[in-house]
Amino acid sequence: MHLSDNRGYSVLEVLFAAAISATLAAVAIPMSRNSVGYFRLSGDARSVSNAVALTKMRAASAFSQARLYVDLTTRSHHIETYTKGVGFSGSQGATGLSQECLAQFGLLSTPPPNTQAVIGQAPACLTSAGTAIANTACIVFNSRGIPINCTSIVLDQGCSPAAPTADDAFYLTDRDRRLRGHRRCERDDSDVAECSVNCSPGSSNDAGPSLLREDCAHT
């Protein structure tokens, strides 16, 4: 006598399991991609934010002017300090952004509140002769840690007119994202698409600390 063996799964059961797996993958993969993009972008924003803070401290410790030099083409940045009669120079290596992060503000049309009048990267860096360097952006601090404008360079004085400014900003974009809105970036955001690091003069007094912001667009 032969007994039939009915163990196993029917075709309908296999198709049902495959459909559930495909549905879960369709949900999980975009979420994972958003999370990876967030960590990548927020990591770069924190790196630039730390570099801005270090530039400010470097200016105060050297009792001189210092600037964060950002190369928009190579997507890298480094710190330079001003030496009287010589100009700005830096000895440390450049720090680059992640592969998918761009030094752009993408589809954002307005800057964060109480910062710039018109959205844009910080003004171009200047050579010792006062010539603008293409595809660069510089955030400059004076010896009191206040962000200043720099329309020309006088070798015996540094940046001129060296007046407090709210135009210093550096924007980062994840090339894989699309923007739907704009709001303040919180530490627990999971779908951050675009960030900016803004420096504005302290409002409490002329010698007060600059206000550092990280504002992000959220999908």
Protein backbone atom coordinates (compact mmCIF):
# COMPACT_ATOMS: atom_id res chain seq x y z
CA MET A 1 0.00 0.00 0.00
CA HIS A 2 1.30 3.48 -0.90
CA LEU A 3 0.41 6.45 1.30
CA SER A 4 0.26 9.88 -0.34
CA ASP A 5 2.45 12.66 1.13
CA ASN A 6 0.63 16.02 1.15
CA ARG A 7 3.32 18.01 2.96
CA GLY A 8 4.39 21.36 1.41
CA TYR A 9 2.76 24.56 0.16
CA SER A 10 0.28 25.13 -2.56
CA VAL A 11 0.93 27.55 -5.43
CA LEU A 12 -1.65 29.92 -3.96
CA GLU A 13 0.14 29.97 -0.59
CA VAL A 14 3.50 30.67 -2.26
CA LEU A 15 2.03 33.53 -4.30
CA PHE A 16 0.38 34.97 -1.19
CA ALA A 17 3.69 34.90 0.73
CA ALA A 18 5.52 36.49 -2.22
CA ALA A 19 2.93 39.27 -2.40
CA ILE A 20 3.37 40.04 1.32
CA SER A 21 7.17 40.08 0.94
CA ALA A 22 6.97 42.45 -2.03
CA THR A 23 4.63 44.77 -0.13
CA LEU A 24 6.93 44.88 2.90
CA ALA A 25 9.95 45.52 0.67
CA ALA A 26 8.13 48.35 -1.13
CA VAL A 27 7.57 50.02 2.24
CA ALA A 28 10.90 49.24 3.90
CA ILE A 29 13.32 50.14 1.08
CA PRO A 30 12.22 53.80 0.70
CA MET A 31 12.20 54.20 4.49
CA SER A 32 15.72 52.79 4.70
CA ARG A 33 16.86 55.08 1.92
CA ASN A 34 15.34 58.10 3.70
CA SER A 35 17.08 57.14 6.93
CA VAL A 36 20.45 56.71 5.23
CA GLY A 37 19.99 60.02 3.42
CA TYR A 38 19.09 61.75 6.68
CA PHE A 39 22.14 60.44 8.55
CA ARG A 40 24.38 61.34 5.62
CA LEU A 41 23.03 64.88 5.29
CA SER A 42 22.74 65.61 9.00
CA GLY A 43 26.27 64.31 9.50
CA ASP A 44 27.59 66.76 6.91
CA ALA A 45 25.52 69.59 8.42
CA ARG A 46 26.99 68.86 11.86
CA SER A 47 30.48 68.72 10.36
CA VAL A 48 30.05 72.15 8.78
CA SER A 49 28.42 73.47 11.94
CA ASN A 50 31.39 72.30 14.00
CA ALA A 51 33.78 73.83 11.46
CA VAL A 52 31.97 77.18 11.76
CA ALA A 53 32.22 77.04 15.56
CA LEU A 54 35.91 76.14 15.33
CA THR A 55 36.53 79.02 12.92
CA LYS A 56 34.93 81.39 15.40
CA MET A 57 37.12 80.09 18.23
CA ARG A 58 40.20 80.23 16.00
CA ALA A 59 39.55 83.93 15.35
CA ALA A 60 39.18 84.64 19.06
CA SER A 61 42.25 82.64 20.10
CA ALA A 62 44.44 84.25 17.44
CA PHE A 63 42.91 87.69 18.14
CA SER A 64 42.55 88.06 14.40
CA GLN A 65 40.10 87.32 11.61
CA ALA A 66 39.38 83.77 10.51
CA ARG A 67 37.24 82.33 7.74
CA LEU A 68 35.70 79.04 6.79
CA TYR A 69 36.68 78.59 3.14
CA VAL A 70 34.16 76.49 1.21
CA ASP A 71 34.93 75.19 -2.26
CA LEU A 72 31.53 74.69 -3.92
CA THR A 73 32.99 72.68 -6.80
CA THR A 74 34.95 70.10 -4.82
CA ARG A 75 32.38 70.23 -1.98
CA SER A 76 35.04 70.69 0.67
CA HIS A 77 35.91 73.22 3.37
CA HIS A 78 38.85 74.28 5.52
CA ILE A 79 39.74 77.01 8.02
CA GLU A 80 42.04 79.94 7.28
CA THR A 81 43.33 82.64 9.63
CA TYR A 82 44.47 86.14 8.74
CA THR A 83 48.09 87.20 9.20
CA LYS A 84 48.90 90.89 9.02
CA GLY A 85 50.80 91.75 5.84
CA VAL A 86 50.29 88.26 4.42
CA GLY A 87 46.57 87.58 4.16
CA PHE A 88 44.47 84.51 4.84
CA SER A 89 46.13 81.11 4.93
CA GLY A 90 45.41 77.68 6.37
CA SER A 91 47.59 74.75 7.36
CA GLN A 92 45.01 72.02 7.88
CA GLY A 93 43.61 69.70 5.24
CA ALA A 94 40.20 70.12 3.66
CA THR A 95 37.13 68.22 4.84
CA GLY A 96 34.85 66.89 2.09
CA LEU A 97 31.11 66.29 2.02
CA SER A 98 29.49 62.90 1.55
CA GLN A 99 29.20 61.60 -1.99
CA GLU A 100 25.47 62.34 -2.34
CA CYS A 101 25.52 65.77 -0.66
CA LEU A 102 25.79 68.95 -2.72
CA ALA A 103 26.69 72.50 -1.73
CA GLN A 104 23.39 73.89 -3.02
CA PHE A 105 20.04 75.09 -1.71
CA GLY A 106 18.00 73.21 -4.31
CA LEU A 107 14.37 74.24 -4.65
CA LEU A 108 14.27 76.43 -1.54
CA SER A 109 13.25 79.94 -2.48
CA THR A 110 13.43 81.72 0.88
CA PRO A 111 16.11 81.75 3.60
CA PRO A 112 15.46 80.77 7.23
CA PRO A 113 13.68 83.47 9.27
CA ASN A 114 15.71 86.40 10.61
CA THR A 115 18.79 85.62 8.51
CA GLN A 116 19.40 86.57 4.88
CA ALA A 117 17.27 88.94 2.86
CA VAL A 118 17.69 86.74 -0.23
CA ILE A 119 18.65 83.08 -0.11
CA GLY A 120 22.18 82.26 -1.25
CA GLN A 121 25.54 80.88 -0.21
CA ALA A 122 27.92 83.15 1.68
CA PRO A 123 29.86 85.67 -0.46
CA ALA A 124 32.82 84.41 -2.48
CA CYS A 125 36.22 84.18 -0.81
CA LEU A 126 38.76 86.83 -1.76
CA THR A 127 42.43 86.57 -2.65
CA SER A 128 44.97 88.79 -0.89
CA ALA A 129 44.55 91.20 -3.81
CA GLY A 130 40.80 91.39 -3.13
CA THR A 131 39.73 89.36 -6.18
CA ALA A 132 36.74 87.08 -5.77
CA ILE A 133 37.51 83.37 -6.14
CA ALA A 134 34.95 81.65 -8.35
CA ASN A 135 32.77 78.86 -6.91
CA THR A 136 33.68 79.55 -3.30
CA ALA A 137 31.86 80.77 -0.21
CA CYS A 138 33.47 82.23 2.91
CA ILE A 139 32.10 82.75 6.41
CA VAL A 140 34.37 85.30 8.09
CA PHE A 141 34.61 86.06 11.83
CA ASN A 142 36.38 88.94 13.52
CA SER A 143 38.43 88.57 16.70
CA ARG A 144 35.28 88.90 18.84
CA GLY A 145 33.58 85.99 17.09
CA ILE A 146 31.12 88.09 15.10
CA PRO A 147 30.43 87.18 11.44
CA ILE A 148 31.48 90.08 9.21
CA ASN A 149 31.27 91.03 5.55
CA CYS A 150 34.38 91.10 3.42
CA THR A 151 34.16 93.12 0.21
CA SER A 152 37.89 93.86 0.07
CA ILE A 153 41.10 92.88 1.86
CA VAL A 154 43.62 95.36 3.24
CA LEU A 155 46.84 93.50 4.04
CA ASP A 156 47.51 95.52 7.18
CA GLN A 157 43.94 95.20 8.47
CA GLY A 158 42.22 92.22 6.92
CA CYS A 159 38.66 92.20 5.64
CA SER A 160 37.00 95.53 5.00
CA PRO A 161 34.55 97.03 5.90
CA ALA A 162 34.27 94.18 8.42
CA ALA A 163 30.74 95.13 9.48
CA PRO A 164 28.47 92.53 11.14
CA THR A 165 26.45 90.62 8.56
CA ALA A 166 23.60 88.11 8.38
CA ASP A 167 24.45 87.01 4.83
CA ASP A 168 26.87 84.26 5.81
CA ALA A 169 25.22 80.92 5.13
CA PHE A 170 26.13 77.54 3.75
CA TYR A 171 23.43 75.28 2.28
CA LEU A 172 23.60 71.52 1.80
CA THR A 173 21.33 69.37 -0.35
CA ASP A 174 20.88 65.62 -0.71
CA ARG A 175 20.80 65.00 -4.46
CA ASP A 176 18.32 62.12 -4.07
CA ARG A 177 15.56 64.15 -2.38
CA ARG A 178 12.70 66.33 -3.58
CA LEU A 179 11.47 69.20 -1.45
CA ARG A 180 7.88 69.71 -0.39
CA GLY A 181 8.22 72.24 2.42
CA HIS A 182 10.54 74.05 4.77
CA ARG A 183 10.81 73.94 8.53
CA ARG A 184 13.32 73.89 11.36
CA CYS A 185 15.44 70.73 11.47
CA GLU A 186 15.02 68.76 14.68
CA ARG A 187 17.38 66.09 15.94
CA ASP A 188 14.82 63.30 15.49
CA ASP A 189 13.73 64.13 11.94
CA SER A 190 13.76 61.10 9.65
CA ASP A 191 13.17 62.64 6.21
CA VAL A 192 15.41 65.68 6.10
CA ALA A 193 16.04 66.80 2.54
CA GLU A 194 18.04 69.98 2.82
CA CYS A 195 19.97 71.83 5.51
CA SER A 196 21.61 75.19 5.98
CA VAL A 197 24.11 76.52 8.46
CA ASN A 198 23.50 80.21 9.09
CA CYS A 199 25.52 82.70 11.10
CA SER A 200 23.99 85.95 12.33
CA PRO A 201 25.41 88.54 14.71
CA GLY A 202 24.35 88.11 18.34
CA SER A 203 21.35 90.24 19.19
CA SER A 204 22.14 90.80 22.86
CA ASN A 205 25.14 93.06 22.28
CA ASP A 206 27.71 93.87 19.63
CA ALA A 207 30.26 91.53 21.14
CA GLY A 208 27.76 88.74 21.73
CA PRO A 209 28.08 85.28 20.21
CA SER A 210 26.86 84.55 16.73
CA LEU A 211 23.65 82.58 16.35
CA LEU A 212 24.18 79.25 14.63
CA ARG A 213 21.18 77.57 12.99
CA GLU A 214 20.53 74.35 11.15
CA ASP A 215 17.34 74.78 9.09
CA CYS A 216 16.12 71.98 6.91
CA ALA A 217 13.49 71.27 4.32
CA HIS A 218 11.38 68.26 5.12
CA THR A 219 9.77 65.83 2.70
